[in-house]
Protein backbone atom coordinates (compact mmCIF):
# COMPACT_ATOMS: atom_id res chain seq x y z
CA MET A 1 90.61 120.73 90.44
CA MET A 2 94.01 120.40 88.78
CA ARG A 3 96.84 122.31 90.43
CA ASP A 4 97.28 125.97 89.49
CA PHE A 5 100.63 127.75 89.23
CA GLU A 6 101.66 131.35 89.87
CA CYS A 7 102.49 133.59 86.93
CA LYS A 8 105.12 136.32 87.30
CA ASN A 9 105.91 138.67 84.40
CA GLY A 10 104.48 136.14 81.95
CA VAL A 11 106.57 133.26 83.32
CA MET A 12 105.43 130.12 85.15
CA MET A 13 106.66 129.96 88.75
CA ILE A 14 107.24 126.65 90.57
CA ALA A 15 107.66 126.96 94.34
CA GLY A 16 108.94 130.50 93.94
CA LYS A 17 111.35 129.64 91.13
CA SER A 18 111.06 130.76 87.50
CA ALA A 19 110.67 127.91 85.00
CA VAL A 20 112.86 129.82 82.55
CA GLU A 21 115.65 130.21 85.11
CA LEU A 22 115.43 126.51 86.00
CA VAL A 23 116.02 125.49 82.38
CA GLU A 24 118.82 128.04 82.01
CA GLU A 25 120.54 126.70 85.14
CA PHE A 26 119.93 122.96 84.88
CA GLY A 27 119.27 122.30 81.19
CA SER A 28 116.41 120.59 79.40
CA PRO A 29 114.49 118.38 79.65
CA ILE A 30 114.30 118.48 83.44
CA TYR A 31 111.88 117.15 86.06
CA VAL A 32 111.13 119.84 88.66
CA CYS A 33 109.85 118.62 92.04
CA ASP A 34 108.11 120.85 94.62
CA GLU A 35 109.06 119.67 98.12
CA ALA A 36 106.31 121.56 99.93
CA ARG A 37 103.63 120.05 97.68
CA ILE A 38 104.79 116.49 98.47
CA ARG A 39 104.58 117.21 102.20
CA GLU A 40 101.15 118.83 101.79
CA ASN A 41 99.76 115.90 99.78
CA TYR A 42 101.09 113.38 102.31
CA ARG A 43 99.55 115.26 105.22
CA ASN A 44 96.21 115.60 103.39
CA ILE A 45 95.74 111.90 102.81
CA HIS A 46 97.11 110.82 106.19
CA GLY A 47 94.94 113.36 107.98
CA ALA A 48 91.78 112.38 106.09
CA PHE A 49 91.94 108.77 107.30
CA SER A 50 93.75 109.06 110.65
CA ARG A 51 91.03 111.31 112.08
CA TYR A 52 88.77 108.25 112.01
CA MET A 53 91.10 105.36 112.90
CA ASP A 54 94.77 104.43 113.26
CA THR A 55 96.14 104.74 109.71
CA LYS A 56 99.55 104.02 108.27
CA ILE A 57 100.55 105.43 104.91
CA HIS A 58 102.78 103.11 102.86
CA TYR A 59 103.92 105.24 99.92
CA ALA A 60 103.80 103.20 96.68
CA CYS A 61 107.32 104.07 95.69
CA LYS A 62 107.10 102.65 92.17
CA ALA A 63 105.49 106.01 91.31
CA ASN A 64 108.74 107.87 92.02
CA THR A 65 111.85 106.39 93.67
CA SER A 66 114.07 109.46 93.64
CA LEU A 67 116.12 109.37 96.83
CA ALA A 68 115.32 112.98 97.73
CA VAL A 69 111.58 112.31 97.38
CA LEU A 70 111.93 109.22 99.58
CA ARG A 71 113.84 111.24 102.20
CA ILE A 72 111.04 113.82 102.33
CA LEU A 73 108.47 111.08 102.93
CA GLU A 74 110.68 109.33 105.48
CA GLN A 75 110.78 112.62 107.42
CA GLU A 76 106.98 112.84 107.21
CA GLY A 77 106.68 109.43 108.89
CA SER A 78 105.56 107.44 105.87
CA GLY A 79 106.00 103.71 105.40
CA ILE A 80 106.75 102.08 102.03
CA ASP A 81 104.99 99.79 99.59
CA ALA A 82 107.81 98.19 97.57
CA VAL A 83 107.39 95.82 94.62
CA SER A 84 111.00 94.76 93.97
CA ILE A 85 114.24 94.12 95.82
CA GLY A 86 115.58 97.21 94.05
CA GLU A 87 112.86 99.35 95.58
CA VAL A 88 113.42 97.79 99.02
CA LYS A 89 117.15 98.56 98.91
CA THR A 90 116.56 102.05 97.51
CA CYS A 91 114.23 102.84 100.42
CA LEU A 92 116.72 101.46 102.94
CA LYS A 93 119.33 103.73 101.32
CA ALA A 94 116.95 106.67 101.80
CA GLY A 95 116.73 105.97 105.54
CA PHE A 96 113.66 103.77 105.97
CA THR A 97 114.02 100.94 108.49
CA PRO A 98 112.90 97.42 107.44
CA ASP A 99 109.87 97.51 109.76
CA ARG A 100 108.44 100.45 107.76
CA ILE A 101 108.59 98.59 104.44
CA MET A 102 106.12 96.05 103.07
CA TYR A 103 107.15 94.06 100.02
CA THR A 104 104.41 93.14 97.53
CA GLY A 105 105.98 91.35 94.58
CA VAL A 106 104.37 89.39 91.76
CA ASN A 107 105.89 86.29 90.14
CA VAL A 108 108.80 86.53 92.59
CA SER A 109 111.93 84.38 92.22
CA ASP A 110 113.36 82.40 95.14
CA LYS A 111 116.49 84.55 94.95
CA GLU A 112 114.49 87.76 95.43
CA LEU A 113 112.31 86.24 98.17
CA LYS A 114 115.44 85.27 100.11
CA GLU A 115 117.00 88.71 99.70
CA VAL A 116 113.85 90.45 100.96
CA ALA A 117 113.39 87.97 103.84
CA ASP A 118 117.02 88.34 104.92
CA LEU A 119 116.50 92.11 105.20
CA GLY A 120 113.67 91.57 107.70
CA VAL A 121 110.97 93.16 105.57
CA MET A 122 107.34 92.00 105.86
CA ILE A 123 106.23 90.11 102.74
CA ASN A 124 102.78 90.53 101.26
CA ILE A 125 102.35 87.18 99.49
CA ASP A 126 100.83 87.15 95.99
CA SER A 127 100.37 83.43 95.29
CA ILE A 128 100.17 79.97 96.83
CA SER A 129 103.43 79.05 95.09
CA GLU A 130 105.16 82.04 96.69
CA MET A 131 103.83 81.05 100.13
CA GLU A 132 105.10 77.46 99.84
CA ARG A 133 108.51 78.61 98.60
CA LEU A 134 108.84 81.26 101.33
CA ALA A 135 108.05 78.63 103.98
CA LYS A 136 111.26 76.82 102.99
CA ILE A 137 113.30 80.02 102.72
CA SER A 138 112.15 81.87 105.87
CA PRO A 139 109.85 79.90 108.20
CA GLN A 140 107.82 82.03 110.65
CA HIS A 141 108.28 85.16 108.53
CA GLU A 142 105.86 88.07 109.07
CA ILE A 143 103.41 88.00 106.18
CA SER A 144 100.20 89.33 104.74
CA PHE A 145 98.32 88.12 101.65
CA ARG A 146 97.27 90.01 98.56
CA ILE A 147 93.83 88.82 97.54
CA THR A 148 91.99 89.34 94.23
CA PRO A 149 88.75 91.07 95.28
CA GLY A 150 86.98 90.78 91.93
CA VAL A 151 86.67 94.57 91.79
CA GLY A 152 88.68 96.66 89.34
CA SER A 153 89.26 100.38 88.86
CA GLY A 154 91.74 102.54 86.96
CA HIS A 155 92.46 105.09 84.25
CA SER A 156 93.44 102.40 81.70
CA ASP A 157 92.91 98.67 81.17
CA LYS A 158 96.66 98.30 81.67
CA VAL A 159 96.48 99.45 85.31
CA ILE A 160 93.31 97.68 86.52
CA THR A 161 94.60 95.02 88.93
CA GLY A 162 91.76 93.76 91.12
CA SER A 163 89.35 92.22 88.58
CA LYS A 164 88.44 88.54 88.58
CA GLY A 165 91.10 86.63 86.66
CA ALA A 166 93.80 89.29 87.21
CA LYS A 167 97.44 88.18 87.39
CA PHE A 168 97.68 89.62 90.91
CA GLY A 169 96.74 88.06 94.22
CA ILE A 170 95.08 84.97 95.71
CA PRO A 171 91.77 84.18 93.92
CA LEU A 172 88.76 84.66 96.18
CA ARG A 173 87.79 80.96 96.19
CA GLU A 174 91.25 80.06 97.57
CA VAL A 175 91.71 82.77 100.21
CA ILE A 176 90.40 80.93 103.30
CA GLY A 177 92.28 77.73 102.46
CA THR A 178 95.46 79.74 101.89
CA TYR A 179 95.24 81.44 105.31
CA ALA A 180 94.63 78.04 106.93
CA ARG A 181 97.68 76.61 105.17
CA ALA A 182 99.80 79.63 106.20
CA LYS A 183 98.81 79.03 109.82
CA ASP A 184 99.83 75.36 109.55
CA LEU A 185 103.18 76.42 108.04
CA GLY A 186 103.89 78.59 111.10
CA PHE A 187 103.93 82.03 109.49
CA LYS A 188 103.25 85.16 111.58
CA ILE A 189 100.12 86.30 109.75
CA LYS A 190 99.57 90.03 110.17
CA GLY A 191 97.07 91.26 107.61
CA ILE A 192 95.13 91.18 104.37
CA HIS A 193 95.65 93.34 101.29
CA ALA A 194 93.94 94.19 98.02
CA HIS A 195 94.57 96.74 95.29
CA ILE A 196 91.96 97.41 92.61
CA GLY A 197 93.98 99.56 90.19
CA SER A 198 95.56 102.93 89.58
CA GLY A 199 93.95 106.32 89.11
CA GLY A 200 90.43 105.67 90.39
CA GLN A 201 88.31 108.80 90.88
CA SER A 202 85.12 107.42 92.43
CA VAL A 203 84.46 106.11 95.93
CA GLU A 204 82.21 103.15 95.02
CA PRO A 205 84.82 100.63 93.77
CA PHE A 206 86.84 101.11 96.97
CA LEU A 207 83.73 100.42 99.06
CA ASP A 208 82.94 97.31 97.00
CA MET A 209 86.49 96.07 97.56
CA MET A 210 86.35 96.80 101.29
CA GLN A 211 83.13 94.83 101.69
CA VAL A 212 84.88 91.80 100.18
CA ILE A 213 87.82 92.27 102.57
CA VAL A 214 85.80 92.71 105.76
CA ASP A 215 83.77 89.58 104.95
CA LEU A 216 87.04 87.66 104.51
CA VAL A 217 88.48 89.06 107.74
CA ASN A 218 85.56 87.59 109.67
CA GLU A 219 85.89 84.22 107.94
CA ILE A 220 89.64 84.19 108.66
CA LYS A 221 88.90 84.95 112.32
CA GLU A 222 86.98 81.68 112.48
CA LEU A 223 90.25 79.90 111.65
CA GLY A 224 91.69 81.31 114.90
CA ILE A 225 93.67 84.00 113.05
CA ASP A 226 93.30 87.55 114.40
CA LEU A 227 94.60 89.95 111.77
CA GLU A 228 96.21 93.22 112.84
CA PHE A 229 95.54 95.31 109.74
CA ILE A 230 93.61 95.73 106.52
CA ASP A 231 95.65 97.17 103.64
CA MET A 232 93.32 98.71 101.04
CA GLY A 233 96.12 99.36 98.55
CA GLY A 234 96.37 102.61 96.63
CA GLY A 235 94.96 103.82 93.32
CA ILE A 236 93.41 107.10 94.47
CA GLY A 237 93.43 109.27 91.37
CA VAL A 238 94.19 112.96 90.88
CA PRO A 239 92.79 115.46 88.36
CA TYR A 240 94.81 115.62 85.12
CA LYS A 241 92.44 118.05 83.39
CA PRO A 242 91.66 121.66 84.46
CA GLN A 243 87.97 121.15 85.33
CA GLU A 244 88.22 117.54 86.48
CA ASP A 245 86.86 116.75 89.93
CA GLU A 246 89.17 115.24 92.51
CA MET A 247 88.42 112.26 94.70
CA ASP A 248 86.39 113.19 97.78
CA LEU A 249 88.97 112.01 100.30
CA ASN A 250 86.85 112.76 103.33
CA GLU A 251 83.91 110.76 102.02
CA LEU A 252 86.21 107.85 101.11
CA ALA A 253 87.92 107.91 104.51
CA SER A 254 84.67 108.18 106.44
CA GLU A 255 82.95 105.34 104.54
CA ILE A 256 85.93 102.97 104.55
CA THR A 257 86.79 103.38 108.22
CA ASP A 258 83.14 103.08 109.21
CA MET A 259 82.88 99.73 107.41
CA ILE A 260 85.98 98.41 109.15
CA GLU A 261 84.97 99.61 112.61
CA GLN A 262 81.34 98.46 112.32
CA GLN A 263 82.04 95.03 110.83
CA THR A 264 85.45 93.87 112.15
CA ASP A 265 87.80 93.99 115.15
CA ILE A 266 90.62 95.43 113.01
CA LYS A 267 92.30 98.45 114.62
CA THR A 268 94.76 99.55 111.89
CA LEU A 269 94.22 100.59 108.28
CA ILE A 270 97.09 100.73 105.78
CA LEU A 271 96.86 102.84 102.64
CA GLU A 272 99.28 102.75 99.70
CA PRO A 273 99.04 106.03 97.76
CA GLY A 274 101.71 106.76 95.17
CA ARG A 275 100.22 108.99 92.49
CA TYR A 276 98.21 111.03 95.02
CA ILE A 277 101.36 112.10 96.86
CA VAL A 278 103.80 112.89 94.04
CA CYS A 279 101.83 113.42 90.83
CA ASP A 280 101.08 117.15 90.89
CA ALA A 281 104.28 117.94 92.81
CA VAL A 282 106.38 117.52 89.65
CA VAL A 283 106.46 119.42 86.35
CA LEU A 284 108.45 118.33 83.31
CA LEU A 285 110.09 121.27 81.53
CA THR A 286 111.11 120.72 77.92
CA LYS A 287 112.54 123.12 75.34
CA VAL A 288 111.07 123.66 71.87
CA ASN A 289 113.55 122.56 69.20
CA ASP A 290 111.37 122.78 66.11
CA VAL A 291 108.06 124.22 64.91
CA LYS A 292 106.43 122.61 61.87
CA ASP A 293 103.23 123.17 59.88
CA ALA A 294 102.43 119.87 58.15
CA GLY A 295 99.29 121.22 56.48
CA THR A 296 96.71 119.11 58.27
CA LYS A 297 98.49 119.49 61.60
CA LYS A 298 100.90 121.83 63.38
CA TYR A 299 103.71 120.43 65.51
CA ILE A 300 105.73 121.75 68.42
CA GLY A 301 108.83 119.54 68.54
CA CYS A 302 110.50 119.30 71.97
CA ASP A 303 113.62 117.73 73.48
CA ALA A 304 111.51 115.44 75.73
CA GLY A 305 109.79 112.46 74.15
CA PHE A 306 108.33 109.16 75.29
CA ASN A 307 111.79 108.22 76.47
CA THR A 308 111.27 110.98 79.09
CA LEU A 309 107.52 110.65 79.73
CA ILE A 310 105.93 107.50 78.31
CA ARG A 311 102.44 107.79 79.83
CA PRO A 312 100.71 109.51 76.86
CA ALA A 313 102.12 107.01 74.35
CA PHE A 314 101.68 103.95 76.58
CA TYR A 315 98.34 104.65 78.29
CA ASP A 316 96.86 107.36 76.01
CA SER A 317 97.06 109.51 79.15
CA PHE A 318 96.17 113.18 79.14
CA HIS A 319 98.77 115.60 80.52
CA TYR A 320 97.96 119.30 80.56
CA VAL A 321 100.64 121.40 78.84
CA ALA A 322 101.40 125.12 78.96
CA MET A 323 104.03 127.43 77.54
CA ALA A 324 106.07 128.30 80.63
CA ASN A 325 107.75 131.39 79.16
CA LYS A 326 104.47 132.72 77.70
CA PHE A 327 102.32 131.77 80.69
CA GLY A 328 98.81 133.11 80.35
CA LYS A 329 99.48 134.59 76.90
CA ALA A 330 96.67 134.39 74.32
CA CYS A 331 96.43 131.08 72.50
CA VAL A 332 96.41 131.29 68.71
CA SER A 333 96.21 127.81 67.25
CA ARG A 334 96.10 124.05 67.86
CA TYR A 335 99.27 122.00 68.04
CA ASP A 336 100.53 118.51 68.73
CA VAL A 337 103.40 118.55 71.23
CA VAL A 338 105.86 115.86 70.14
CA GLY A 339 109.35 114.65 70.97
CA PRO A 340 112.63 113.64 69.27
CA ILE A 341 112.01 109.87 69.20
CA CYS A 342 111.88 108.14 65.82
CA GLU A 343 108.30 106.86 66.31
CA SER A 344 104.94 108.28 65.18
CA GLY A 345 103.60 107.49 68.65
CA ASP A 346 106.09 109.86 70.29
CA TYR A 347 103.86 112.61 71.64
CA MET A 348 102.98 114.36 74.88
CA ALA A 349 99.83 116.18 73.83
CA HIS A 350 97.44 116.14 70.87
CA ASP A 351 95.49 119.07 69.50
CA ARG A 352 96.21 121.62 72.26
CA VAL A 353 95.45 125.33 71.98
CA LEU A 354 98.67 127.23 72.77
CA PRO A 355 100.36 130.61 72.17
CA GLU A 356 102.34 130.91 68.94
CA PRO A 357 105.54 128.88 69.46
CA VAL A 358 109.10 129.66 68.43
CA GLU A 359 112.27 127.65 68.85
CA GLY A 360 113.61 128.09 72.38
CA ASP A 361 110.21 128.33 74.09
CA ILE A 362 109.65 126.15 77.15
CA ILE A 363 106.77 123.71 77.44
CA ALA A 364 105.62 122.68 80.92
CA VAL A 365 104.02 119.24 81.22
CA TYR A 366 101.86 119.05 84.35
CA ASN A 367 101.34 116.09 86.72
CA ALA A 368 104.62 114.43 85.81
CA GLY A 369 105.59 113.16 89.28
CA ALA A 370 103.93 109.75 89.14
CA TYR A 371 105.37 107.25 86.66
CA GLY A 372 107.27 110.01 84.87
CA PHE A 373 110.95 109.60 85.59
CA SER A 374 110.44 106.11 87.02
CA MET A 375 109.24 104.81 83.61
CA SER A 376 111.73 106.75 81.48
CA SER A 377 114.17 104.89 79.23
CA ASN A 378 117.27 105.13 77.07
CA TYR A 379 115.42 104.41 73.82
CA ASN A 380 117.14 105.89 70.75
CA SER A 381 120.31 105.93 72.92
CA ARG A 382 119.14 109.03 74.75
CA PRO A 383 120.49 109.56 78.29
CA LEU A 384 118.05 109.96 81.18
CA CYS A 385 117.36 113.57 82.12
CA GLY A 386 118.06 115.27 85.44
CA GLU A 387 115.82 116.12 88.39
CA VAL A 388 115.65 119.30 90.47
CA LEU A 389 114.08 119.88 93.88
CA VAL A 390 112.58 123.32 94.47
CA ASN A 391 111.57 124.70 97.84
CA ASP A 392 110.80 128.25 98.90
CA GLY A 393 112.51 129.87 95.92
CA LYS A 394 115.63 127.67 96.05
CA ALA A 395 116.57 124.92 93.59
CA GLU A 396 118.88 121.94 94.12
CA LEU A 397 119.95 119.27 91.65
CA ILE A 398 118.84 115.87 93.02
CA ARG A 399 119.73 113.75 89.99
CA GLU A 400 122.46 114.54 87.50
CA PRO A 401 121.55 114.04 83.85
CA GLU A 402 123.10 110.90 82.39
CA THR A 403 125.93 111.17 79.88
CA ILE A 404 126.25 109.26 76.60
CA GLU A 405 129.26 107.44 78.06
CA GLU A 406 127.10 106.04 80.87
CA LEU A 407 124.92 104.26 78.30
CA TRP A 408 127.88 102.02 77.45
CA ARG A 409 129.15 101.35 80.98
CA HIS A 410 127.94 97.73 81.18
CA GLN A 411 128.58 96.79 77.57
CA ARG A 412 131.50 94.66 76.40
CA ILE A 413 132.73 94.03 72.86
CA PRO A 414 134.33 90.56 72.55
CA GLU A 415 138.03 90.87 71.74
CA ARG A 416 137.63 88.79 68.55
CA LEU A 417 135.28 91.44 67.09
CA MET A 418 137.97 94.12 67.49
CA LYS A 419 140.36 92.44 65.07
């Protein structure tokens, strides 16, 4: 089931803090992050798997790289799945040591490979080209390989990553030869990795992927290579709709670990959840600027658009919305919730039944923690919004809203154009 929130005097409460007071204090739009929920989600997924075998969680930080969020997960004992040098350095800044970070890039430049290698971070190699180039940059580096399992899963075609012919990973027919070549090159080969996509809700695709991996592990063993870990990637979905079922974590953990223990000598499982940990821990609060009846449709126009939350426009994703200052009040009509961007595709919700809106109301967009702020932009020259951390009735600003002036900070007008 999707997360439920407390209502107090008709107002939505987030970790003991009124949504109305948060907007009054910190402005709008604002991402509001519940610290306790992040810790709870981390402990749920780690506990589900670690009861069966040694499990390391590598948080897929592309979902949300806010430093405060990273600090919370560092305290919880998490590792990191990073996909860029920027993410690696951000996680180091947040207090992670290099040995707790695994770098899984795609189409990586030599410059970035060298930067990551120099930091002492394990590299999860995506292609034969990357392997050959890394051998010249950092011989004997600790590595793993991302393989393409031929199994895909995800909430949108744009996030399915494991299918045959995908741009990610070593194709199945080349995996054994690639491991043999890596051994000849002198790399310290530690593991094998696959990721089938983002937002999967059923157990079966993960089991199909794991069968491919365990078969490969045993073939690789015949090369004289004893791998230390299997990394099954991330992609465990969460409910975005009120009655939607959630992934059965215990079934997934039991089935996956049983396959590994029954069919291989591998002792450690790595998991890379991103969405599962942060998604429902964050709510986007946005103020109603305008209410319009266009005849065939009614609009609630807010100060957050696809510059703030792009998922509905980009993936056709569903995000549940509620009126935070009229929480639980009777709904009267259907509305599209739209933003201030000069595009017809700028929306957060279509055809939602809501209480009668007036200017100044506050809309809460649920499940905004994964790929919310991290995919936001400055389109239409709009500054990025702020972020707030709430915990036990207290709120702290963890990211200041950008100013207009900051949009120009790296721009230069040639002197000749000023004449």
